[in-house]
Amino acid sequence: MAKKTSVKVRLVPELKPDSAYNYYIKKPSAGEKAKVKIRLKKYNPSTRKHEWFVEKKLPPHSK
């Protein structure tokens, strides 16, 4: 079985991490870009502004 080339990460607003809105994106799992934390400017519909979103750990899921 092949290894995964990307991993899913969650982006939350930098100023309000407990906000109801967040983004999910794919990030490479190996290489130099895998070690860098992602910081993107995205639109936040709850504040109706473009804000900085930072990478956080995915929440634990329950089975």
PDB file of N, CA and C in Angstrom:
ATOM      1  N   MET A   1       0.834  -1.178   0.000  1.00  0.00           N
ATOM      2  CA  MET A   1       0.000   0.000   0.000  1.00  0.00           C
ATOM      3  C   MET A   1       0.882   1.245   0.000  1.00  0.00           C
ATOM      4  N   ALA A   2       0.495   2.233  -0.769  1.00  0.00           N
ATOM      5  CA  ALA A   2       1.296   3.449  -0.898  1.00  0.00           C
ATOM      6  C   ALA A   2       1.113   4.369   0.305  1.00  0.00           C
ATOM      7  N   LYS A   3       2.144   5.168   0.569  1.00  0.00           N
ATOM      8  CA  LYS A   3       2.064   6.140   1.653  1.00  0.00           C
ATOM      9  C   LYS A   3       1.242   7.336   1.207  1.00  0.00           C
ATOM     10  N   LYS A   4       0.642   8.019   2.174  1.00  0.00           N
ATOM     11  CA  LYS A   4      -0.118   9.224   1.862  1.00  0.00           C
ATOM     12  C   LYS A   4       0.849  10.353   1.518  1.00  0.00           C
ATOM     13  N   THR A   5       0.510  11.143   0.497  1.00  0.00           N
ATOM     14  CA  THR A   5       1.365  12.253   0.111  1.00  0.00           C
ATOM     15  C   THR A   5       0.910  13.551   0.739  1.00  0.00           C
ATOM     16  N   SER A   6      -0.310  13.573   1.288  1.00  0.00           N
ATOM     17  CA  SER A   6      -0.794  14.789   1.935  1.00  0.00           C
ATOM     18  C   SER A   6      -1.607  14.427   3.174  1.00  0.00           C
ATOM     19  N   VAL A   7      -1.752  15.417   4.042  1.00  0.00           N
ATOM     20  CA  VAL A   7      -2.490  15.238   5.275  1.00  0.00           C
ATOM     21  C   VAL A   7      -3.469  16.405   5.414  1.00  0.00           C
ATOM     22  N   LYS A   8      -4.603  16.165   6.044  1.00  0.00           N
ATOM     23  CA  LYS A   8      -5.627  17.188   6.202  1.00  0.00           C
ATOM     24  C   LYS A   8      -5.338  18.010   7.454  1.00  0.00           C
ATOM     25  N   VAL A   9      -5.397  19.355   7.343  1.00  0.00           N
ATOM     26  CA  VAL A   9      -5.190  20.242   8.484  1.00  0.00           C
ATOM     27  C   VAL A   9      -6.342  21.231   8.568  1.00  0.00           C
ATOM     28  N   ARG A  10      -6.530  21.774   9.748  1.00  0.00           N
ATOM     29  CA  ARG A  10      -7.610  22.731   9.987  1.00  0.00           C
ATOM     30  C   ARG A  10      -7.020  24.120  10.145  1.00  0.00           C
ATOM     31  N   LEU A  11      -7.639  25.109   9.512  1.00  0.00           N
ATOM     32  CA  LEU A  11      -7.228  26.503   9.652  1.00  0.00           C
ATOM     33  C   LEU A  11      -8.289  27.237  10.454  1.00  0.00           C
ATOM     34  N   VAL A  12      -7.866  27.915  11.531  1.00  0.00           N
ATOM     35  CA  VAL A  12      -8.781  28.682  12.377  1.00  0.00           C
ATOM     36  C   VAL A  12      -8.338  30.135  12.386  1.00  0.00           C
ATOM     37  N   PRO A  13      -9.249  31.076  12.631  1.00  0.00           N
ATOM     38  CA  PRO A  13      -8.855  32.493  12.678  1.00  0.00           C
ATOM     39  C   PRO A  13      -7.812  32.745  13.762  1.00  0.00           C
ATOM     40  N   GLU A  14      -6.829  33.550  13.430  1.00  0.00           N
ATOM     41  CA  GLU A  14      -5.732  33.815  14.364  1.00  0.00           C
ATOM     42  C   GLU A  14      -6.207  34.604  15.581  1.00  0.00           C
ATOM     43  N   LEU A  15      -7.096  35.569  15.370  1.00  0.00           N
ATOM     44  CA  LEU A  15      -7.541  36.414  16.472  1.00  0.00           C
ATOM     45  C   LEU A  15      -8.624  35.760  17.327  1.00  0.00           C
ATOM     46  N   LYS A  16      -9.480  34.935  16.710  1.00  0.00           N
ATOM     47  CA  LYS A  16     -10.554  34.255  17.447  1.00  0.00           C
ATOM     48  C   LYS A  16     -10.522  32.758  17.134  1.00  0.00           C
ATOM     49  N   PRO A  17      -9.639  31.998  17.774  1.00  0.00           N
ATOM     50  CA  PRO A  17      -9.544  30.562  17.468  1.00  0.00           C
ATOM     51  C   PRO A  17     -10.798  29.772  17.828  1.00  0.00           C
ATOM     52  N   ASP A  18     -11.631  30.301  18.715  1.00  0.00           N
ATOM     53  CA  ASP A  18     -12.851  29.590  19.101  1.00  0.00           C
ATOM     54  C   ASP A  18     -14.031  29.949  18.193  1.00  0.00           C
ATOM     55  N   SER A  19     -13.761  30.607  17.072  1.00  0.00           N
ATOM     56  CA  SER A  19     -14.803  30.989  16.122  1.00  0.00           C
ATOM     57  C   SER A  19     -15.490  29.751  15.555  1.00  0.00           C
ATOM     58  N   ALA A  20     -16.734  29.933  15.117  1.00  0.00           N
ATOM     59  CA  ALA A  20     -17.501  28.811  14.580  1.00  0.00           C
ATOM     60  C   ALA A  20     -17.051  28.433  13.172  1.00  0.00           C
ATOM     61  N   TYR A  21     -16.321  29.299  12.506  1.00  0.00           N
ATOM     62  CA  TYR A  21     -15.940  29.057  11.123  1.00  0.00           C
ATOM     63  C   TYR A  21     -14.471  28.674  11.019  1.00  0.00           C
ATOM     64  N   ASN A  22     -14.160  27.641  10.212  1.00  0.00           N
ATOM     65  CA  ASN A  22     -12.778  27.247   9.954  1.00  0.00           C
ATOM     66  C   ASN A  22     -12.685  26.624   8.575  1.00  0.00           C
ATOM     67  N   TYR A  23     -11.471  26.487   8.074  1.00  0.00           N
ATOM     68  CA  TYR A  23     -11.200  25.887   6.771  1.00  0.00           C
ATOM     69  C   TYR A  23     -10.444  24.584   6.973  1.00  0.00           C
ATOM     70  N   TYR A  24     -10.649  23.629   6.060  1.00  0.00           N
ATOM     71  CA  TYR A  24      -9.872  22.393   6.030  1.00  0.00           C
ATOM     72  C   TYR A  24      -9.145  22.343   4.696  1.00  0.00           C
ATOM     73  N   ILE A  25      -7.838  22.119   4.731  1.00  0.00           N
ATOM     74  CA  ILE A  25      -7.037  22.060   3.508  1.00  0.00           C
ATOM     75  C   ILE A  25      -6.096  20.865   3.580  1.00  0.00           C
ATOM     76  N   LYS A  26      -5.505  20.527   2.443  1.00  0.00           N
ATOM     77  CA  LYS A  26      -4.509  19.467   2.380  1.00  0.00           C
ATOM     78  C   LYS A  26      -3.121  20.082   2.391  1.00  0.00           C
ATOM     79  N   LYS A  27      -2.219  19.415   3.116  1.00  0.00           N
ATOM     80  CA  LYS A  27      -0.848  19.867   3.256  1.00  0.00           C
ATOM     81  C   LYS A  27       0.058  18.669   2.978  1.00  0.00           C
ATOM     82  N   PRO A  28       1.212  18.862   2.340  1.00  0.00           N
ATOM     83  CA  PRO A  28       2.095  17.720   2.083  1.00  0.00           C
ATOM     84  C   PRO A  28       2.553  17.065   3.384  1.00  0.00           C
ATOM     85  N   SER A  29       2.660  15.748   3.368  1.00  0.00           N
ATOM     86  CA  SER A  29       3.051  15.026   4.575  1.00  0.00           C
ATOM     87  C   SER A  29       4.552  14.793   4.658  1.00  0.00           C
ATOM     88  N   ALA A  30       5.279  15.017   3.586  1.00  0.00           N
ATOM     89  CA  ALA A  30       6.731  14.826   3.592  1.00  0.00           C
ATOM     90  C   ALA A  30       7.394  16.011   2.896  1.00  0.00           C
ATOM     91  N   GLY A  31       8.648  16.177   3.177  1.00  0.00           N
ATOM     92  CA  GLY A  31       9.398  17.246   2.533  1.00  0.00           C
ATOM     93  C   GLY A  31       9.517  18.474   3.414  1.00  0.00           C
ATOM     94  N   GLU A  32      10.050  19.534   2.827  1.00  0.00           N
ATOM     95  CA  GLU A  32      10.314  20.748   3.586  1.00  0.00           C
ATOM     96  C   GLU A  32       9.037  21.518   3.925  1.00  0.00           C
ATOM     97  N   LYS A  33       8.040  21.484   3.039  1.00  0.00           N
ATOM     98  CA  LYS A  33       6.794  22.212   3.281  1.00  0.00           C
ATOM     99  C   LYS A  33       5.959  21.580   4.383  1.00  0.00           C
ATOM    100  N   ALA A  34       6.217  20.332   4.725  1.00  0.00           N
ATOM    101  CA  ALA A  34       5.462  19.654   5.770  1.00  0.00           C
ATOM    102  C   ALA A  34       5.806  20.196   7.149  1.00  0.00           C
ATOM    103  N   LYS A  35       6.996  20.752   7.312  1.00  0.00           N
ATOM    104  CA  LYS A  35       7.455  21.232   8.611  1.00  0.00           C
ATOM    105  C   LYS A  35       6.997  22.647   8.912  1.00  0.00           C
ATOM    106  N   VAL A  36       6.568  23.404   7.890  1.00  0.00           N
ATOM    107  CA  VAL A  36       6.194  24.803   8.053  1.00  0.00           C
ATOM    108  C   VAL A  36       4.708  24.899   8.394  1.00  0.00           C
ATOM    109  N   LYS A  37       4.392  25.702   9.436  1.00  0.00           N
ATOM    110  CA  LYS A  37       2.986  25.921   9.789  1.00  0.00           C
ATOM    111  C   LYS A  37       2.368  26.862   8.770  1.00  0.00           C
ATOM    112  N   ILE A  38       1.153  26.545   8.345  1.00  0.00           N
ATOM    113  CA  ILE A  38       0.471  27.328   7.320  1.00  0.00           C
ATOM    114  C   ILE A  38      -0.208  28.539   7.958  1.00  0.00           C
ATOM    115  N   ARG A  39      -0.097  29.680   7.288  1.00  0.00           N
ATOM    116  CA  ARG A  39      -0.768  30.918   7.701  1.00  0.00           C
ATOM    117  C   ARG A  39      -1.265  31.587   6.429  1.00  0.00           C
ATOM    118  N   LEU A  40      -2.587  31.608   6.237  1.00  0.00           N
ATOM    119  CA  LEU A  40      -3.193  32.150   5.025  1.00  0.00           C
ATOM    120  C   LEU A  40      -4.207  33.224   5.362  1.00  0.00           C
ATOM    121  N   LYS A  41      -4.373  34.160   4.446  1.00  0.00           N
ATOM    122  CA  LYS A  41      -5.396  35.182   4.598  1.00  0.00           C
ATOM    123  C   LYS A  41      -6.631  34.704   3.849  1.00  0.00           C
ATOM    124  N   LYS A  42      -7.705  34.426   4.586  1.00  0.00           N
ATOM    125  CA  LYS A  42      -8.942  33.898   4.020  1.00  0.00           C
ATOM    126  C   LYS A  42     -10.113  34.737   4.508  1.00  0.00           C
ATOM    127  N   TYR A  43     -11.258  34.545   3.847  1.00  0.00           N
ATOM    128  CA  TYR A  43     -12.463  35.283   4.210  1.00  0.00           C
ATOM    129  C   TYR A  43     -13.168  34.600   5.379  1.00  0.00           C
ATOM    130  N   ASN A  44     -13.569  35.385   6.367  1.00  0.00           N
ATOM    131  CA  ASN A  44     -14.313  34.883   7.515  1.00  0.00           C
ATOM    132  C   ASN A  44     -15.738  35.422   7.436  1.00  0.00           C
ATOM    133  N   PRO A  45     -16.726  34.591   7.110  1.00  0.00           N
ATOM    134  CA  PRO A  45     -18.103  35.065   6.964  1.00  0.00           C
ATOM    135  C   PRO A  45     -18.722  35.582   8.256  1.00  0.00           C
ATOM    136  N   SER A  46     -18.265  35.107   9.410  1.00  0.00           N
ATOM    137  CA  SER A  46     -18.854  35.569  10.664  1.00  0.00           C
ATOM    138  C   SER A  46     -18.501  37.024  10.963  1.00  0.00           C
ATOM    139  N   THR A  47     -17.319  37.470  10.561  1.00  0.00           N
ATOM    140  CA  THR A  47     -16.934  38.874  10.755  1.00  0.00           C
ATOM    141  C   THR A  47     -17.036  39.686   9.476  1.00  0.00           C
ATOM    142  N   ARG A  48     -17.272  38.994   8.352  1.00  0.00           N
ATOM    143  CA  ARG A  48     -17.379  39.612   7.026  1.00  0.00           C
ATOM    144  C   ARG A  48     -16.107  40.372   6.632  1.00  0.00           C
ATOM    145  N   LYS A  49     -14.953  39.795   6.962  1.00  0.00           N
ATOM    146  CA  LYS A  49     -13.657  40.393   6.633  1.00  0.00           C
ATOM    147  C   LYS A  49     -12.671  39.305   6.238  1.00  0.00           C
ATOM    148  N   HIS A  50     -11.608  39.720   5.569  1.00  0.00           N
ATOM    149  CA  HIS A  50     -10.491  38.822   5.322  1.00  0.00           C
ATOM    150  C   HIS A  50      -9.585  38.871   6.550  1.00  0.00           C
ATOM    151  N   GLU A  51      -9.250  37.700   7.067  1.00  0.00           N
ATOM    152  CA  GLU A  51      -8.422  37.597   8.268  1.00  0.00           C
ATOM    153  C   GLU A  51      -7.343  36.554   8.068  1.00  0.00           C
ATOM    154  N   TRP A  52      -6.353  36.581   8.950  1.00  0.00           N
ATOM    155  CA  TRP A  52      -5.314  35.559   8.936  1.00  0.00           C
ATOM    156  C   TRP A  52      -5.841  34.297   9.598  1.00  0.00           C
ATOM    157  N   PHE A  53      -5.660  33.163   8.933  1.00  0.00           N
ATOM    158  CA  PHE A  53      -6.016  31.859   9.466  1.00  0.00           C
ATOM    159  C   PHE A  53      -4.736  31.073   9.678  1.00  0.00           C
ATOM    160  N   VAL A  54      -4.620  30.396  10.821  1.00  0.00           N
ATOM    161  CA  VAL A  54      -3.424  29.623  11.155  1.00  0.00           C
ATOM    162  C   VAL A  54      -3.780  28.154  11.325  1.00  0.00           C
ATOM    163  N   GLU A  55      -2.787  27.323  11.173  1.00  0.00           N
ATOM    164  CA  GLU A  55      -2.969  25.873  11.275  1.00  0.00           C
ATOM    165  C   GLU A  55      -3.072  25.437  12.717  1.00  0.00           C
ATOM    166  N   LYS A  56      -4.067  24.601  12.996  1.00  0.00           N
ATOM    167  CA  LYS A  56      -4.231  23.998  14.324  1.00  0.00           C
ATOM    168  C   LYS A  56      -4.433  22.498  14.149  1.00  0.00           C
ATOM    169  N   LYS A  57      -4.297  21.764  15.245  1.00  0.00           N
ATOM    170  CA  LYS A  57      -4.514  20.329  15.200  1.00  0.00           C
ATOM    171  C   LYS A  57      -5.979  20.030  14.954  1.00  0.00           C
ATOM    172  N   LEU A  58      -6.251  18.918  14.285  1.00  0.00           N
ATOM    173  CA  LEU A  58      -7.626  18.483  14.079  1.00  0.00           C
ATOM    174  C   LEU A  58      -8.225  18.058  15.418  1.00  0.00           C
ATOM    175  N   PRO A  59      -9.511  18.283  15.615  1.00  0.00           N
ATOM    176  CA  PRO A  59     -10.110  17.835  16.869  1.00  0.00           C
ATOM    177  C   PRO A  59     -10.190  16.312  16.923  1.00  0.00           C
ATOM    178  N   PRO A  60     -10.099  15.717  18.097  1.00  0.00           N
ATOM    179  CA  PRO A  60     -10.180  14.255  18.189  1.00  0.00           C
ATOM    180  C   PRO A  60     -11.594  13.796  17.826  1.00  0.00           C
ATOM    181  N   HIS A  61     -11.673  12.714  17.093  1.00  0.00           N
ATOM    182  CA  HIS A  61     -12.991  12.189  16.727  1.00  0.00           C
ATOM    183  C   HIS A  61     -13.333  11.024  17.648  1.00  0.00           C
ATOM    184  N   SER A  62     -14.601  10.809  17.830  1.00  0.00           N
ATOM    185  CA  SER A  62     -15.037   9.707  18.697  1.00  0.00           C
ATOM    186  C   SER A  62     -15.738   8.649  17.858  1.00  0.00           C
ATOM    187  N   LYS A  63     -15.519   7.413  18.232  1.00  0.00           N
ATOM    188  CA  LYS A  63     -16.155   6.298  17.519  1.00  0.00           C
ATOM    189  C   LYS A  63     -17.147   5.620  18.420  1.00  0.00           C
TER     190      LYS A  63
END
